Amino acid sequence: MRWGVCCDDARLSEWLRGFAKSSQVPSFLGVRRSPTDDLCFQGIPRVEFCASWEPLLIADLEGIVAGGRTEDAFSALRQLMQSETPLYVRPHPAQGLPLAYELTLMAAERDAPLRPLWPHRSDPALSALKRWLLESDRGLQHIELDRTLDVDGLSEAEVDSYLAALRLDDVDIVRWLGSRGSRLTALRSSR
């Protein structure tokens, strides 16, 4: 089982490590456009690297994991949509609604699936909570997510970018747990 990876979002690394330890240990063909792309592959033993997304189009792959926050990543996503390999995209706020809309239109023209990749959905604690909610007659009335972020040494723009990415994940957590959510409130405080 071989998978392609074209992503400059280091938040994907933990999910990739977990996937690499699965019962059918996959190998990866990873795109390395810059040394920072290596962050996604730390601790993963079976990785072959290529310099661009083109080899992913011709390789025999089970699926391609893609995403990121740069124009290069967005361009690669558009090109990878041309393949007939299942594509799993890690959403990032920098991708914006226009890119999501464009990918949705392209997905309607291809046979292979396009799916969002939410690493938190494989979290054992969240999975147990979802199972409990499905088996319970109580339902979800209120959910509160608290996060603490050490911002020492980060610029205001870096903090804002990080929090935007977390909010995207948090909204999916609420939806995935079964809530349509009539109201969603995000509060930010600092010391």
N, C-alpha and C. Protein backbone atom coordinates (compact mmCIF):
# COMPACT_ATOMS: atom_id res chain seq x y z
N MET A 1 0.85 -1.16 0.00
CA MET A 1 0.00 0.00 0.00
C MET A 1 0.91 1.24 0.00
N ARG A 2 0.75 2.06 -1.02
CA ARG A 2 1.58 3.26 -1.17
C ARG A 2 0.69 4.49 -1.30
N TRP A 3 1.04 5.53 -0.57
CA TRP A 3 0.27 6.77 -0.56
C TRP A 3 1.16 7.93 -0.96
N GLY A 4 0.58 8.89 -1.65
CA GLY A 4 1.27 10.13 -1.98
C GLY A 4 0.93 11.19 -0.96
N VAL A 5 1.89 12.06 -0.68
CA VAL A 5 1.67 13.17 0.25
C VAL A 5 2.25 14.44 -0.36
N CYS A 6 1.41 15.44 -0.50
CA CYS A 6 1.83 16.75 -1.01
C CYS A 6 1.21 17.80 -0.11
N CYS A 7 1.91 18.15 0.96
CA CYS A 7 1.33 19.04 1.96
C CYS A 7 2.42 19.82 2.67
N ASP A 8 2.22 21.12 2.81
CA ASP A 8 3.19 21.93 3.55
C ASP A 8 2.64 22.34 4.92
N ASP A 9 1.67 21.59 5.42
CA ASP A 9 1.04 21.89 6.70
C ASP A 9 1.56 20.90 7.75
N ALA A 10 2.44 21.37 8.64
CA ALA A 10 3.06 20.49 9.64
C ALA A 10 2.03 19.89 10.60
N ARG A 11 0.81 20.45 10.66
CA ARG A 11 -0.23 19.89 11.54
C ARG A 11 -0.62 18.47 11.12
N LEU A 12 -0.24 18.08 9.92
CA LEU A 12 -0.60 16.75 9.42
C LEU A 12 0.34 15.66 9.92
N SER A 13 1.49 16.04 10.48
CA SER A 13 2.52 15.05 10.81
C SER A 13 2.05 14.01 11.82
N GLU A 14 1.32 14.41 12.84
CA GLU A 14 0.87 13.44 13.85
C GLU A 14 -0.07 12.41 13.23
N TRP A 15 -0.98 12.86 12.36
CA TRP A 15 -1.88 11.92 11.69
C TRP A 15 -1.10 10.96 10.80
N LEU A 16 -0.11 11.47 10.06
CA LEU A 16 0.70 10.62 9.19
C LEU A 16 1.45 9.56 10.00
N ARG A 17 2.01 9.95 11.15
CA ARG A 17 2.71 8.98 12.00
C ARG A 17 1.76 7.88 12.47
N GLY A 18 0.55 8.26 12.87
CA GLY A 18 -0.43 7.26 13.27
C GLY A 18 -0.82 6.35 12.13
N PHE A 19 -1.00 6.93 10.96
CA PHE A 19 -1.36 6.15 9.77
C PHE A 19 -0.22 5.20 9.39
N ALA A 20 1.03 5.66 9.54
CA ALA A 20 2.18 4.82 9.22
C ALA A 20 2.30 3.62 10.15
N LYS A 21 1.70 3.71 11.34
CA LYS A 21 1.75 2.61 12.31
C LYS A 21 0.55 1.68 12.20
N SER A 22 -0.30 1.90 11.21
CA SER A 22 -1.51 1.09 11.06
C SER A 22 -1.16 -0.35 10.71
N SER A 23 -2.17 -1.22 10.74
CA SER A 23 -1.94 -2.65 10.52
C SER A 23 -1.37 -2.95 9.14
N GLN A 24 -1.78 -2.21 8.14
CA GLN A 24 -1.20 -2.36 6.81
C GLN A 24 -0.24 -1.20 6.62
N VAL A 25 0.98 -1.38 7.08
CA VAL A 25 1.94 -0.28 7.09
C VAL A 25 2.19 0.24 5.68
N PRO A 26 1.81 1.50 5.44
CA PRO A 26 1.98 2.05 4.10
C PRO A 26 3.38 2.61 3.89
N SER A 27 3.72 2.76 2.64
CA SER A 27 4.90 3.55 2.29
C SER A 27 4.39 4.83 1.66
N PHE A 28 5.22 5.84 1.64
CA PHE A 28 4.80 7.15 1.16
C PHE A 28 5.72 7.66 0.07
N LEU A 29 5.13 8.33 -0.90
CA LEU A 29 5.86 9.10 -1.89
C LEU A 29 5.55 10.55 -1.54
N GLY A 30 6.52 11.23 -0.94
CA GLY A 30 6.28 12.57 -0.43
C GLY A 30 6.93 13.64 -1.28
N VAL A 31 6.22 14.73 -1.45
CA VAL A 31 6.76 15.87 -2.19
C VAL A 31 7.57 16.73 -1.23
N ARG A 32 8.82 16.99 -1.59
CA ARG A 32 9.70 17.83 -0.79
C ARG A 32 10.10 19.04 -1.63
N ARG A 33 9.32 20.11 -1.49
CA ARG A 33 9.63 21.34 -2.23
C ARG A 33 10.63 22.19 -1.48
N SER A 34 10.67 22.03 -0.16
CA SER A 34 11.63 22.77 0.66
C SER A 34 11.91 21.93 1.90
N PRO A 35 13.01 22.23 2.61
CA PRO A 35 13.33 21.45 3.81
C PRO A 35 12.22 21.47 4.87
N THR A 36 11.40 22.53 4.90
CA THR A 36 10.33 22.58 5.91
C THR A 36 9.27 21.51 5.65
N ASP A 37 9.16 21.03 4.41
CA ASP A 37 8.19 19.96 4.12
C ASP A 37 8.54 18.67 4.84
N ASP A 38 9.81 18.52 5.26
CA ASP A 38 10.23 17.33 6.00
C ASP A 38 9.52 17.21 7.34
N LEU A 39 9.01 18.32 7.88
CA LEU A 39 8.35 18.29 9.18
C LEU A 39 7.17 17.32 9.19
N CYS A 40 6.48 17.20 8.07
CA CYS A 40 5.34 16.28 7.99
C CYS A 40 5.77 14.82 8.11
N PHE A 41 7.03 14.52 7.81
CA PHE A 41 7.46 13.13 7.73
C PHE A 41 8.37 12.70 8.88
N GLN A 42 8.53 13.53 9.90
CA GLN A 42 9.37 13.15 11.03
C GLN A 42 8.81 11.91 11.71
N GLY A 43 9.67 10.91 11.90
CA GLY A 43 9.26 9.69 12.58
C GLY A 43 8.57 8.68 11.69
N ILE A 44 8.56 8.91 10.39
CA ILE A 44 7.92 7.97 9.45
C ILE A 44 9.02 7.27 8.67
N PRO A 45 9.11 5.93 8.79
CA PRO A 45 10.27 5.23 8.22
C PRO A 45 10.26 5.02 6.71
N ARG A 46 9.13 4.82 6.09
CA ARG A 46 9.11 4.40 4.68
C ARG A 46 8.64 5.54 3.78
N VAL A 47 9.57 6.47 3.50
CA VAL A 47 9.24 7.63 2.67
C VAL A 47 10.26 7.75 1.55
N GLU A 48 9.77 7.88 0.35
CA GLU A 48 10.60 8.22 -0.81
C GLU A 48 10.18 9.63 -1.21
N PHE A 49 11.15 10.48 -1.51
CA PHE A 49 10.84 11.88 -1.81
C PHE A 49 10.95 12.18 -3.30
N CYS A 50 10.13 13.12 -3.74
CA CYS A 50 10.22 13.67 -5.08
C CYS A 50 10.15 15.20 -4.94
N ALA A 51 10.57 15.92 -5.97
CA ALA A 51 10.69 17.37 -5.87
C ALA A 51 9.41 18.13 -6.21
N SER A 52 8.44 17.47 -6.84
CA SER A 52 7.21 18.17 -7.22
C SER A 52 6.04 17.19 -7.22
N TRP A 53 4.85 17.71 -7.47
CA TRP A 53 3.63 16.90 -7.45
C TRP A 53 3.48 16.00 -8.68
N GLU A 54 4.20 16.26 -9.78
CA GLU A 54 4.00 15.51 -11.02
C GLU A 54 4.13 13.99 -10.86
N PRO A 55 5.15 13.47 -10.14
CA PRO A 55 5.24 12.01 -9.98
C PRO A 55 4.02 11.38 -9.30
N LEU A 56 3.29 12.17 -8.51
CA LEU A 56 2.09 11.64 -7.85
C LEU A 56 1.00 11.32 -8.87
N LEU A 57 1.01 12.01 -10.00
CA LEU A 57 -0.01 11.77 -11.03
C LEU A 57 0.19 10.44 -11.74
N ILE A 58 1.44 9.98 -11.84
CA ILE A 58 1.70 8.76 -12.61
C ILE A 58 2.00 7.55 -11.73
N ALA A 59 2.25 7.76 -10.45
CA ALA A 59 2.55 6.65 -9.54
C ALA A 59 1.28 5.84 -9.25
N ASP A 60 1.48 4.56 -8.96
CA ASP A 60 0.37 3.69 -8.57
C ASP A 60 0.15 3.87 -7.06
N LEU A 61 -0.86 4.66 -6.70
CA LEU A 61 -1.09 5.04 -5.31
C LEU A 61 -2.50 4.67 -4.87
N GLU A 62 -2.63 4.33 -3.59
CA GLU A 62 -3.95 4.07 -2.99
C GLU A 62 -4.73 5.37 -2.84
N GLY A 63 -4.01 6.44 -2.53
CA GLY A 63 -4.62 7.74 -2.34
C GLY A 63 -3.55 8.80 -2.21
N ILE A 64 -3.97 10.04 -2.26
CA ILE A 64 -3.06 11.17 -2.11
C ILE A 64 -3.59 12.06 -0.99
N VAL A 65 -2.71 12.38 -0.05
CA VAL A 65 -3.02 13.31 1.03
C VAL A 65 -2.40 14.64 0.64
N ALA A 66 -3.21 15.69 0.60
CA ALA A 66 -2.71 16.99 0.14
C ALA A 66 -3.27 18.11 1.00
N GLY A 67 -2.65 19.25 0.89
CA GLY A 67 -3.13 20.42 1.61
C GLY A 67 -2.02 21.42 1.78
N GLY A 68 -2.31 22.44 2.54
CA GLY A 68 -1.31 23.45 2.81
C GLY A 68 -1.88 24.84 2.82
N ARG A 69 -0.96 25.80 2.93
CA ARG A 69 -1.39 27.18 3.11
C ARG A 69 -0.69 28.14 2.15
N THR A 70 0.04 27.61 1.17
CA THR A 70 0.77 28.47 0.24
C THR A 70 0.19 28.36 -1.16
N GLU A 71 0.53 29.32 -2.00
CA GLU A 71 0.07 29.28 -3.40
C GLU A 71 0.58 28.03 -4.11
N ASP A 72 1.81 27.58 -3.78
CA ASP A 72 2.33 26.34 -4.37
C ASP A 72 1.44 25.15 -4.00
N ALA A 73 1.01 25.11 -2.75
CA ALA A 73 0.14 24.02 -2.30
C ALA A 73 -1.21 24.09 -3.01
N PHE A 74 -1.75 25.30 -3.19
CA PHE A 74 -3.04 25.45 -3.86
C PHE A 74 -2.94 25.00 -5.32
N SER A 75 -1.85 25.37 -5.98
CA SER A 75 -1.63 24.97 -7.37
C SER A 75 -1.52 23.45 -7.47
N ALA A 76 -0.79 22.85 -6.54
CA ALA A 76 -0.65 21.39 -6.54
C ALA A 76 -2.01 20.71 -6.34
N LEU A 77 -2.83 21.25 -5.45
CA LEU A 77 -4.18 20.69 -5.24
C LEU A 77 -4.97 20.68 -6.54
N ARG A 78 -4.92 21.79 -7.26
CA ARG A 78 -5.65 21.87 -8.54
C ARG A 78 -5.13 20.83 -9.53
N GLN A 79 -3.83 20.66 -9.59
CA GLN A 79 -3.25 19.70 -10.53
C GLN A 79 -3.55 18.26 -10.11
N LEU A 80 -3.50 17.98 -8.82
CA LEU A 80 -3.77 16.63 -8.34
C LEU A 80 -5.22 16.23 -8.55
N MET A 81 -6.10 17.20 -8.67
CA MET A 81 -7.51 16.90 -8.97
C MET A 81 -7.66 16.30 -10.36
N GLN A 82 -6.64 16.43 -11.21
CA GLN A 82 -6.69 15.88 -12.56
C GLN A 82 -6.52 14.35 -12.55
N SER A 83 -5.98 13.81 -11.46
CA SER A 83 -5.75 12.36 -11.39
C SER A 83 -7.05 11.64 -11.03
N GLU A 84 -7.04 10.36 -11.21
CA GLU A 84 -8.19 9.54 -10.80
C GLU A 84 -7.86 8.75 -9.53
N THR A 85 -6.98 9.32 -8.73
CA THR A 85 -6.62 8.73 -7.44
C THR A 85 -7.42 9.44 -6.35
N PRO A 86 -7.96 8.72 -5.37
CA PRO A 86 -8.67 9.38 -4.28
C PRO A 86 -7.80 10.45 -3.63
N LEU A 87 -8.38 11.61 -3.38
CA LEU A 87 -7.65 12.75 -2.84
C LEU A 87 -8.25 13.14 -1.49
N TYR A 88 -7.39 13.19 -0.47
CA TYR A 88 -7.79 13.55 0.88
C TYR A 88 -7.12 14.88 1.22
N VAL A 89 -7.91 15.91 1.43
CA VAL A 89 -7.39 17.26 1.61
C VAL A 89 -7.50 17.69 3.07
N ARG A 90 -6.38 18.16 3.62
CA ARG A 90 -6.36 18.71 4.97
C ARG A 90 -6.75 20.19 4.87
N PRO A 91 -7.97 20.55 5.30
CA PRO A 91 -8.41 21.94 5.20
C PRO A 91 -7.53 22.89 6.03
N HIS A 92 -7.34 24.07 5.50
CA HIS A 92 -6.60 25.13 6.19
C HIS A 92 -7.30 26.45 5.86
N PRO A 93 -7.48 27.35 6.82
CA PRO A 93 -8.18 28.60 6.54
C PRO A 93 -7.58 29.40 5.38
N ALA A 94 -6.27 29.30 5.18
CA ALA A 94 -5.63 30.05 4.10
C ALA A 94 -6.13 29.62 2.73
N GLN A 95 -6.68 28.40 2.64
CA GLN A 95 -7.18 27.92 1.34
C GLN A 95 -8.38 28.75 0.89
N GLY A 96 -9.17 29.21 1.81
CA GLY A 96 -10.29 30.09 1.50
C GLY A 96 -11.44 29.43 0.77
N LEU A 97 -12.56 30.12 0.75
CA LEU A 97 -13.77 29.60 0.10
C LEU A 97 -13.63 29.48 -1.42
N PRO A 98 -12.96 30.42 -2.12
CA PRO A 98 -12.85 30.26 -3.58
C PRO A 98 -12.16 28.96 -3.99
N LEU A 99 -11.09 28.57 -3.28
CA LEU A 99 -10.41 27.31 -3.61
C LEU A 99 -11.31 26.12 -3.29
N ALA A 100 -11.99 26.15 -2.15
CA ALA A 100 -12.90 25.06 -1.80
C ALA A 100 -14.00 24.91 -2.85
N TYR A 101 -14.53 26.02 -3.31
CA TYR A 101 -15.57 26.00 -4.34
C TYR A 101 -15.02 25.42 -5.64
N GLU A 102 -13.82 25.86 -6.02
CA GLU A 102 -13.19 25.37 -7.25
C GLU A 102 -12.95 23.86 -7.18
N LEU A 103 -12.44 23.37 -6.05
CA LEU A 103 -12.20 21.94 -5.90
C LEU A 103 -13.50 21.15 -5.93
N THR A 104 -14.56 21.71 -5.36
CA THR A 104 -15.86 21.04 -5.38
C THR A 104 -16.38 20.89 -6.80
N LEU A 105 -16.23 21.94 -7.61
CA LEU A 105 -16.64 21.85 -9.02
C LEU A 105 -15.81 20.81 -9.76
N MET A 106 -14.51 20.78 -9.50
CA MET A 106 -13.63 19.81 -10.16
C MET A 106 -13.98 18.39 -9.72
N ALA A 107 -14.36 18.22 -8.44
CA ALA A 107 -14.71 16.90 -7.92
C ALA A 107 -15.92 16.32 -8.63
N ALA A 108 -16.83 17.17 -9.05
CA ALA A 108 -18.04 16.71 -9.75
C ALA A 108 -17.69 16.12 -11.11
N GLU A 109 -16.53 16.46 -11.64
CA GLU A 109 -16.12 16.00 -12.97
C GLU A 109 -15.24 14.75 -12.93
N ARG A 110 -14.92 14.25 -11.76
CA ARG A 110 -14.03 13.08 -11.67
C ARG A 110 -14.72 11.94 -10.95
N ASP A 111 -14.22 10.73 -11.19
CA ASP A 111 -14.81 9.54 -10.58
C ASP A 111 -14.23 9.26 -9.19
N ALA A 112 -12.97 9.59 -8.98
CA ALA A 112 -12.32 9.31 -7.70
C ALA A 112 -12.83 10.29 -6.64
N PRO A 113 -12.93 9.85 -5.40
CA PRO A 113 -13.46 10.73 -4.36
C PRO A 113 -12.50 11.84 -3.94
N LEU A 114 -13.09 12.93 -3.50
CA LEU A 114 -12.39 14.04 -2.85
C LEU A 114 -12.97 14.11 -1.44
N ARG A 115 -12.11 13.98 -0.43
CA ARG A 115 -12.59 13.95 0.95
C ARG A 115 -11.76 14.90 1.83
N PRO A 116 -12.40 15.51 2.82
CA PRO A 116 -11.62 16.29 3.78
C PRO A 116 -10.91 15.34 4.74
N LEU A 117 -9.76 15.72 5.20
CA LEU A 117 -9.01 14.92 6.15
C LEU A 117 -8.94 15.70 7.46
N TRP A 118 -9.67 15.21 8.45
CA TRP A 118 -9.70 15.84 9.77
C TRP A 118 -8.99 14.90 10.74
N PRO A 119 -7.73 15.13 11.08
CA PRO A 119 -7.00 14.21 11.97
C PRO A 119 -7.67 13.99 13.32
N HIS A 120 -8.38 14.99 13.84
CA HIS A 120 -9.00 14.82 15.16
C HIS A 120 -10.09 13.75 15.15
N ARG A 121 -10.59 13.38 13.99
CA ARG A 121 -11.63 12.35 13.94
C ARG A 121 -11.11 10.97 14.30
N SER A 122 -9.80 10.78 14.29
CA SER A 122 -9.24 9.49 14.71
C SER A 122 -8.74 9.54 16.15
N ASP A 123 -8.99 10.62 16.85
CA ASP A 123 -8.61 10.73 18.25
C ASP A 123 -9.46 9.78 19.08
N PRO A 124 -8.84 8.89 19.88
CA PRO A 124 -9.62 7.91 20.65
C PRO A 124 -10.64 8.53 21.61
N ALA A 125 -10.28 9.62 22.27
CA ALA A 125 -11.22 10.24 23.22
C ALA A 125 -12.42 10.83 22.50
N LEU A 126 -12.20 11.51 21.38
CA LEU A 126 -13.32 12.07 20.63
C LEU A 126 -14.17 10.97 20.01
N SER A 127 -13.53 9.90 19.55
CA SER A 127 -14.29 8.77 18.99
C SER A 127 -15.17 8.13 20.05
N ALA A 128 -14.64 7.98 21.27
CA ALA A 128 -15.44 7.41 22.37
C ALA A 128 -16.61 8.33 22.71
N LEU A 129 -16.38 9.64 22.72
CA LEU A 129 -17.46 10.59 22.99
C LEU A 129 -18.53 10.50 21.91
N LYS A 130 -18.13 10.40 20.66
CA LYS A 130 -19.10 10.29 19.57
C LYS A 130 -19.93 9.01 19.72
N ARG A 131 -19.26 7.89 20.02
CA ARG A 131 -19.98 6.62 20.22
C ARG A 131 -20.99 6.75 21.36
N TRP A 132 -20.56 7.37 22.46
CA TRP A 132 -21.46 7.55 23.60
C TRP A 132 -22.66 8.40 23.20
N LEU A 133 -22.43 9.47 22.45
CA LEU A 133 -23.53 10.33 22.02
C LEU A 133 -24.50 9.58 21.10
N LEU A 134 -23.96 8.74 20.22
CA LEU A 134 -24.82 7.98 19.31
C LEU A 134 -25.66 6.94 20.06
N GLU A 135 -25.08 6.34 21.09
CA GLU A 135 -25.78 5.30 21.85
C GLU A 135 -26.67 5.87 22.95
N SER A 136 -26.48 7.12 23.27
CA SER A 136 -27.22 7.75 24.36
C SER A 136 -28.49 8.40 23.83
N ASP A 137 -29.48 8.52 24.69
CA ASP A 137 -30.70 9.22 24.29
C ASP A 137 -30.65 10.69 24.73
N ARG A 138 -29.53 11.10 25.27
CA ARG A 138 -29.39 12.47 25.78
C ARG A 138 -29.16 13.49 24.67
N GLY A 139 -28.34 13.16 23.70
CA GLY A 139 -28.02 14.13 22.66
C GLY A 139 -27.00 15.16 23.14
N LEU A 140 -26.66 16.04 22.28
CA LEU A 140 -25.66 17.06 22.58
C LEU A 140 -26.38 18.39 22.79
N GLN A 141 -26.33 18.91 24.01
CA GLN A 141 -26.99 20.17 24.33
C GLN A 141 -26.02 21.33 24.34
N HIS A 142 -24.83 21.10 24.87
CA HIS A 142 -23.86 22.17 25.03
C HIS A 142 -22.47 21.54 24.96
N ILE A 143 -21.59 22.17 24.24
CA ILE A 143 -20.21 21.70 24.21
C ILE A 143 -19.30 22.91 24.36
N GLU A 144 -18.28 22.76 25.16
CA GLU A 144 -17.33 23.84 25.38
C GLU A 144 -15.94 23.30 25.17
N LEU A 145 -15.19 23.95 24.31
CA LEU A 145 -13.81 23.57 24.05
C LEU A 145 -12.91 24.67 24.59
N ASP A 146 -11.99 24.31 25.44
CA ASP A 146 -11.03 25.28 25.98
C ASP A 146 -9.65 24.91 25.47
N ARG A 147 -8.91 25.91 25.05
CA ARG A 147 -7.54 25.70 24.59
C ARG A 147 -6.64 26.72 25.27
N THR A 148 -5.45 26.28 25.59
CA THR A 148 -4.44 27.18 26.12
C THR A 148 -3.28 27.18 25.14
N LEU A 149 -2.85 28.35 24.76
CA LEU A 149 -1.78 28.49 23.78
C LEU A 149 -0.66 29.33 24.37
N ASP A 150 0.54 28.79 24.37
CA ASP A 150 1.70 29.54 24.82
C ASP A 150 2.16 30.41 23.65
N VAL A 151 1.96 31.71 23.78
CA VAL A 151 2.24 32.63 22.67
C VAL A 151 3.57 33.35 22.83
N ASP A 152 4.35 32.97 23.83
CA ASP A 152 5.65 33.62 24.02
C ASP A 152 6.49 33.45 22.76
N GLY A 153 6.98 34.55 22.25
CA GLY A 153 7.84 34.51 21.07
C GLY A 153 7.11 34.52 19.74
N LEU A 154 5.77 34.48 19.77
CA LEU A 154 5.00 34.50 18.53
C LEU A 154 4.50 35.92 18.24
N SER A 155 4.49 36.28 16.98
CA SER A 155 3.94 37.58 16.60
C SER A 155 2.42 37.50 16.64
N GLU A 156 1.77 38.65 16.62
CA GLU A 156 0.30 38.70 16.62
C GLU A 156 -0.26 37.98 15.39
N ALA A 157 0.40 38.15 14.24
CA ALA A 157 -0.06 37.49 13.01
C ALA A 157 0.05 35.97 13.12
N GLU A 158 1.14 35.48 13.74
CA GLU A 158 1.30 34.03 13.92
C GLU A 158 0.23 33.47 14.85
N VAL A 159 -0.07 34.20 15.91
CA VAL A 159 -1.12 33.77 16.84
C VAL A 159 -2.47 33.72 16.13
N ASP A 160 -2.78 34.78 15.36
CA ASP A 160 -4.06 34.82 14.63
C ASP A 160 -4.17 33.67 13.64
N SER A 161 -3.09 33.38 12.92
CA SER A 161 -3.10 32.29 11.94
C SER A 161 -3.32 30.94 12.63
N TYR A 162 -2.63 30.73 13.74
CA TYR A 162 -2.77 29.47 14.48
C TYR A 162 -4.19 29.31 15.01
N LEU A 163 -4.74 30.38 15.57
CA LEU A 163 -6.10 30.31 16.11
C LEU A 163 -7.14 30.10 15.02
N ALA A 164 -6.93 30.68 13.84
CA ALA A 164 -7.86 30.46 12.73
C ALA A 164 -7.88 28.99 12.33
N ALA A 165 -6.72 28.35 12.30
CA ALA A 165 -6.66 26.93 11.97
C ALA A 165 -7.36 26.09 13.03
N LEU A 166 -7.19 26.44 14.30
CA LEU A 166 -7.87 25.70 15.37
C LEU A 166 -9.38 25.87 15.30
N ARG A 167 -9.85 27.08 14.98
CA ARG A 167 -11.30 27.30 14.89
C ARG A 167 -11.91 26.44 13.80
N LEU A 168 -11.22 26.28 12.68
CA LEU A 168 -11.72 25.43 11.61
C LEU A 168 -11.88 23.99 12.11
N ASP A 169 -10.88 23.49 12.83
CA ASP A 169 -10.98 22.15 13.41
C ASP A 169 -12.10 22.07 14.44
N ASP A 170 -12.22 23.09 15.28
CA ASP A 170 -13.24 23.07 16.33
C ASP A 170 -14.65 23.03 15.75
N VAL A 171 -14.89 23.78 14.68
CA VAL A 171 -16.21 23.75 14.04
C VAL A 171 -16.50 22.34 13.52
N ASP A 172 -15.49 21.67 12.94
CA ASP A 172 -15.72 20.31 12.47
C ASP A 172 -15.97 19.35 13.62
N ILE A 173 -15.27 19.54 14.74
CA ILE A 173 -15.51 18.66 15.90
C ILE A 173 -16.97 18.75 16.32
N VAL A 174 -17.50 19.95 16.42
CA VAL A 174 -18.89 20.14 16.83
C VAL A 174 -19.83 19.47 15.83
N ARG A 175 -19.59 19.68 14.54
CA ARG A 175 -20.45 19.06 13.51
C ARG A 175 -20.32 17.54 13.53
N TRP A 176 -19.09 17.03 13.66
CA TRP A 176 -18.85 15.59 13.63
C TRP A 176 -19.49 14.89 14.82
N LEU A 177 -19.54 15.57 15.95
CA LEU A 177 -20.17 14.98 17.13
C LEU A 177 -21.69 14.94 17.01
N GLY A 178 -22.23 15.52 15.95
CA GLY A 178 -23.66 15.37 15.70
C GLY A 178 -24.48 16.62 15.87
N SER A 179 -23.85 17.75 16.07
CA SER A 179 -24.61 18.97 16.29
C SER A 179 -24.69 19.80 15.02
N ARG A 180 -25.87 20.31 14.76
CA ARG A 180 -26.01 21.27 13.67
C ARG A 180 -25.61 22.66 14.16
N GLY A 181 -25.66 22.86 15.45
CA GLY A 181 -25.22 24.10 16.05
C GLY A 181 -26.03 25.32 15.66
N SER A 182 -26.90 25.75 16.54
CA SER A 182 -27.67 26.96 16.25
C SER A 182 -26.86 28.21 16.59
N ARG A 183 -25.84 28.05 17.41
CA ARG A 183 -25.01 29.19 17.76
C ARG A 183 -23.61 28.68 18.09
N LEU A 184 -22.62 29.36 17.58
CA LEU A 184 -21.23 29.02 17.85
C LEU A 184 -20.53 30.31 18.26
N THR A 185 -19.92 30.29 19.42
CA THR A 185 -19.25 31.48 19.94
C THR A 185 -17.79 31.16 20.17
N ALA A 186 -16.91 32.03 19.71
CA ALA A 186 -15.48 31.88 19.96
C ALA A 186 -15.01 33.08 20.77
N LEU A 187 -14.34 32.81 21.86
CA LEU A 187 -13.82 33.86 22.72
C LEU A 187 -12.31 33.73 22.79
N ARG A 188 -11.65 34.86 22.84
CA ARG A 188 -10.20 34.84 22.97
C ARG A 188 -9.83 35.79 24.10
N SER A 189 -9.01 35.31 24.99
CA SER A 189 -8.54 36.18 26.06
C SER A 189 -7.03 35.99 26.19
N SER A 190 -6.39 36.96 26.76
CA SER A 190 -4.94 36.85 26.96
C SER A 190 -4.59 37.41 28.32
N ARG A 191 -3.43 37.02 28.78
CA ARG A 191 -3.02 37.51 30.10
C ARG A 191 -2.42 38.87 29.99
